[in-house]
């Protein structure tokens, strides 16, 4: 049973990752790599990426680095 649960979790993560890649590609095409990302009126970057990976994401191009790291660890 646990193998089935883990397989389902991995498939779900792969689906979310694919969706993130497609969304980023569309955003890059529409707005360009220098488009700023963040939380307006705060000092935050993308909190989980910053806390877990130490990567500050201030522009769309920075998100490519985050997705590349995720690609490496996703089975």
N, C-alpha and C. Protein backbone atom coordinates (compact mmCIF):
# COMPACT_ATOMS: atom_id res chain seq x y z
N UNK A 1 0.82 -1.20 0.00
CA UNK A 1 0.00 0.00 0.00
C UNK A 1 0.86 1.26 0.00
N UNK A 2 1.92 1.28 0.79
CA UNK A 2 2.75 2.49 0.85
C UNK A 2 3.44 2.76 -0.49
N UNK A 3 3.78 1.72 -1.22
CA UNK A 3 4.38 1.91 -2.54
C UNK A 3 3.39 2.59 -3.48
N UNK A 4 2.13 2.21 -3.40
CA UNK A 4 1.09 2.83 -4.23
C UNK A 4 0.91 4.29 -3.86
N UNK A 5 0.94 4.57 -2.57
CA UNK A 5 0.78 5.96 -2.10
C UNK A 5 1.95 6.81 -2.58
N UNK A 6 3.16 6.29 -2.44
CA UNK A 6 4.34 7.05 -2.88
C UNK A 6 4.33 7.25 -4.39
N UNK A 7 3.93 6.24 -5.13
CA UNK A 7 3.86 6.38 -6.59
C UNK A 7 2.85 7.45 -6.98
N UNK A 8 1.73 7.48 -6.30
CA UNK A 8 0.72 8.50 -6.58
C UNK A 8 1.24 9.89 -6.22
N UNK A 9 1.96 10.00 -5.12
CA UNK A 9 2.52 11.29 -4.72
C UNK A 9 3.54 11.78 -5.74
N UNK A 10 4.37 10.88 -6.23
CA UNK A 10 5.38 11.25 -7.23
C UNK A 10 4.71 11.67 -8.54
N UNK A 11 3.71 10.92 -8.96
CA UNK A 11 2.98 11.30 -10.18
C UNK A 11 2.34 12.68 -10.03
N UNK A 12 1.78 12.93 -8.86
CA UNK A 12 1.18 14.24 -8.60
C UNK A 12 2.22 15.34 -8.64
N UNK A 13 3.37 15.11 -8.03
CA UNK A 13 4.44 16.10 -8.04
C UNK A 13 4.93 16.35 -9.46
N UNK A 14 5.05 15.30 -10.25
CA UNK A 14 5.46 15.47 -11.64
C UNK A 14 4.44 16.27 -12.42
N UNK A 15 3.16 16.07 -12.14
CA UNK A 15 2.12 16.85 -12.80
C UNK A 15 2.19 18.32 -12.44
N UNK A 16 2.38 18.61 -11.15
CA UNK A 16 2.51 20.01 -10.71
C UNK A 16 3.76 20.65 -11.31
N UNK A 17 4.83 19.88 -11.39
CA UNK A 17 6.07 20.40 -11.96
C UNK A 17 5.89 20.75 -13.43
N UNK A 18 5.23 19.86 -14.17
CA UNK A 18 4.99 20.12 -15.58
C UNK A 18 4.14 21.38 -15.75
N UNK A 19 3.14 21.53 -14.91
CA UNK A 19 2.29 22.72 -14.97
C UNK A 19 3.10 23.98 -14.66
N UNK A 20 4.00 23.89 -13.69
CA UNK A 20 4.86 25.03 -13.35
C UNK A 20 5.77 25.39 -14.51
N UNK A 21 6.35 24.39 -15.16
CA UNK A 21 7.20 24.65 -16.33
C UNK A 21 6.43 25.33 -17.45
N UNK A 22 5.24 24.85 -17.72
CA UNK A 22 4.42 25.44 -18.78
C UNK A 22 4.02 26.87 -18.44
N UNK A 23 3.65 27.10 -17.20
CA UNK A 23 3.27 28.45 -16.77
C UNK A 23 4.45 29.40 -16.86
N UNK A 24 5.62 28.94 -16.44
CA UNK A 24 6.81 29.79 -16.51
C UNK A 24 7.17 30.09 -17.96
N UNK A 25 7.09 29.09 -18.82
CA UNK A 25 7.39 29.32 -20.24
C UNK A 25 6.45 30.35 -20.83
N UNK A 26 5.17 30.27 -20.49
CA UNK A 26 4.19 31.24 -20.99
C UNK A 26 4.47 32.63 -20.44
N UNK A 27 4.81 32.72 -19.16
CA UNK A 27 5.10 34.02 -18.55
C UNK A 27 6.37 34.64 -19.16
N UNK A 28 7.38 33.81 -19.38
CA UNK A 28 8.62 34.31 -20.00
C UNK A 28 8.34 34.84 -21.40
N UNK A 29 7.53 34.12 -22.14
CA UNK A 29 7.20 34.54 -23.50
C UNK A 29 6.41 35.85 -23.49
N UNK A 30 5.48 35.95 -22.56
CA UNK A 30 4.61 37.12 -22.51
C UNK A 30 5.29 38.34 -21.90
N UNK A 31 6.07 38.13 -20.84
CA UNK A 31 6.59 39.27 -20.09
C UNK A 31 8.10 39.45 -20.15
N UNK A 32 8.83 38.41 -20.52
CA UNK A 32 10.28 38.49 -20.59
C UNK A 32 10.95 38.09 -19.30
N UNK A 33 12.22 37.73 -19.41
CA UNK A 33 12.98 37.20 -18.27
C UNK A 33 13.22 38.23 -17.18
N UNK A 34 13.19 39.51 -17.52
CA UNK A 34 13.47 40.55 -16.52
C UNK A 34 12.24 41.01 -15.76
N UNK A 35 11.09 40.40 -16.00
CA UNK A 35 9.87 40.77 -15.29
C UNK A 35 10.03 40.43 -13.81
N UNK A 36 9.70 41.37 -12.96
CA UNK A 36 9.85 41.16 -11.52
C UNK A 36 8.74 40.26 -10.98
N UNK A 37 9.12 39.43 -10.01
CA UNK A 37 8.16 38.60 -9.28
C UNK A 37 8.33 38.88 -7.80
N UNK A 38 7.30 38.67 -7.05
CA UNK A 38 7.41 38.88 -5.61
C UNK A 38 6.08 39.15 -4.97
N UNK A 39 6.15 39.59 -3.76
CA UNK A 39 4.97 39.93 -2.98
C UNK A 39 5.03 41.43 -2.74
N UNK A 40 4.21 42.21 -3.46
CA UNK A 40 4.25 43.66 -3.33
C UNK A 40 4.09 44.13 -1.89
N UNK A 41 4.80 45.18 -1.59
CA UNK A 41 4.76 45.83 -0.29
C UNK A 41 5.25 44.93 0.84
N UNK A 42 6.10 43.96 0.53
CA UNK A 42 6.73 43.13 1.56
C UNK A 42 8.21 43.01 1.20
N UNK A 43 8.96 42.40 2.10
CA UNK A 43 10.38 42.16 1.85
C UNK A 43 10.62 40.71 1.41
N UNK A 44 9.56 39.99 1.06
CA UNK A 44 9.67 38.57 0.75
C UNK A 44 9.99 38.30 -0.71
N UNK A 45 10.73 37.21 -0.91
CA UNK A 45 10.92 36.64 -2.24
C UNK A 45 9.89 35.52 -2.30
N UNK A 46 10.16 34.45 -2.98
CA UNK A 46 9.29 33.28 -2.91
C UNK A 46 9.72 32.52 -1.65
N UNK A 47 8.96 32.59 -0.57
CA UNK A 47 9.43 32.14 0.74
C UNK A 47 9.94 30.71 0.80
N UNK A 48 9.25 29.75 0.21
CA UNK A 48 9.71 28.36 0.32
C UNK A 48 10.99 28.13 -0.49
N UNK A 49 11.09 28.71 -1.66
CA UNK A 49 12.31 28.55 -2.46
C UNK A 49 13.48 29.18 -1.73
N UNK A 50 13.24 30.31 -1.11
CA UNK A 50 14.33 31.00 -0.40
C UNK A 50 14.73 30.22 0.85
N UNK A 51 13.75 29.74 1.60
CA UNK A 51 14.08 29.05 2.85
C UNK A 51 14.67 27.66 2.61
N UNK A 52 14.19 26.95 1.60
CA UNK A 52 14.67 25.59 1.36
C UNK A 52 15.90 25.51 0.48
N UNK A 53 16.02 26.43 -0.48
CA UNK A 53 17.11 26.37 -1.45
C UNK A 53 18.09 27.53 -1.33
N UNK A 54 17.68 28.58 -0.64
CA UNK A 54 18.54 29.76 -0.54
C UNK A 54 18.61 30.56 -1.82
N UNK A 55 17.59 30.42 -2.66
CA UNK A 55 17.57 31.12 -3.95
C UNK A 55 16.59 32.28 -3.86
N UNK A 56 17.09 33.48 -4.08
CA UNK A 56 16.23 34.65 -4.09
C UNK A 56 15.64 34.79 -5.49
N UNK A 57 14.34 34.79 -5.58
CA UNK A 57 13.67 34.90 -6.87
C UNK A 57 13.05 36.29 -6.97
N UNK A 58 13.68 37.16 -7.73
CA UNK A 58 13.16 38.52 -7.90
C UNK A 58 12.70 38.76 -9.33
N UNK A 59 13.13 37.92 -10.26
CA UNK A 59 12.76 38.05 -11.68
C UNK A 59 12.34 36.68 -12.20
N UNK A 60 11.59 36.68 -13.30
CA UNK A 60 11.15 35.41 -13.88
C UNK A 60 12.33 34.50 -14.20
N UNK A 61 13.44 35.06 -14.63
CA UNK A 61 14.61 34.25 -14.95
C UNK A 61 15.09 33.45 -13.74
N UNK A 62 14.93 34.00 -12.54
CA UNK A 62 15.34 33.29 -11.33
C UNK A 62 14.51 32.04 -11.10
N UNK A 63 13.28 32.04 -11.59
CA UNK A 63 12.42 30.88 -11.42
C UNK A 63 12.92 29.68 -12.21
N UNK A 64 13.65 29.95 -13.30
CA UNK A 64 14.23 28.84 -14.07
C UNK A 64 15.24 28.08 -13.23
N UNK A 65 16.00 28.79 -12.41
CA UNK A 65 16.98 28.15 -11.52
C UNK A 65 16.26 27.27 -10.50
N UNK A 66 15.17 27.78 -9.96
CA UNK A 66 14.40 27.01 -8.98
C UNK A 66 13.83 25.75 -9.63
N UNK A 67 13.26 25.88 -10.82
CA UNK A 67 12.72 24.70 -11.50
C UNK A 67 13.81 23.70 -11.87
N UNK A 68 14.98 24.19 -12.23
CA UNK A 68 16.09 23.29 -12.55
C UNK A 68 16.47 22.47 -11.32
N UNK A 69 16.51 23.12 -10.16
CA UNK A 69 16.81 22.40 -8.92
C UNK A 69 15.73 21.36 -8.62
N UNK A 70 14.48 21.73 -8.80
CA UNK A 70 13.37 20.81 -8.57
C UNK A 70 13.45 19.62 -9.52
N UNK A 71 13.83 19.88 -10.77
CA UNK A 71 13.95 18.81 -11.77
C UNK A 71 15.00 17.79 -11.33
N UNK A 72 16.07 18.27 -10.71
CA UNK A 72 17.13 17.37 -10.26
C UNK A 72 16.66 16.43 -9.14
N UNK A 73 15.80 16.89 -8.27
CA UNK A 73 15.42 16.07 -7.13
C UNK A 73 14.12 15.30 -7.35
N UNK A 74 13.41 15.59 -8.43
CA UNK A 74 12.15 14.89 -8.69
C UNK A 74 12.43 13.57 -9.40
N UNK A 75 11.96 12.46 -8.82
CA UNK A 75 12.23 11.17 -9.47
C UNK A 75 11.50 11.03 -10.79
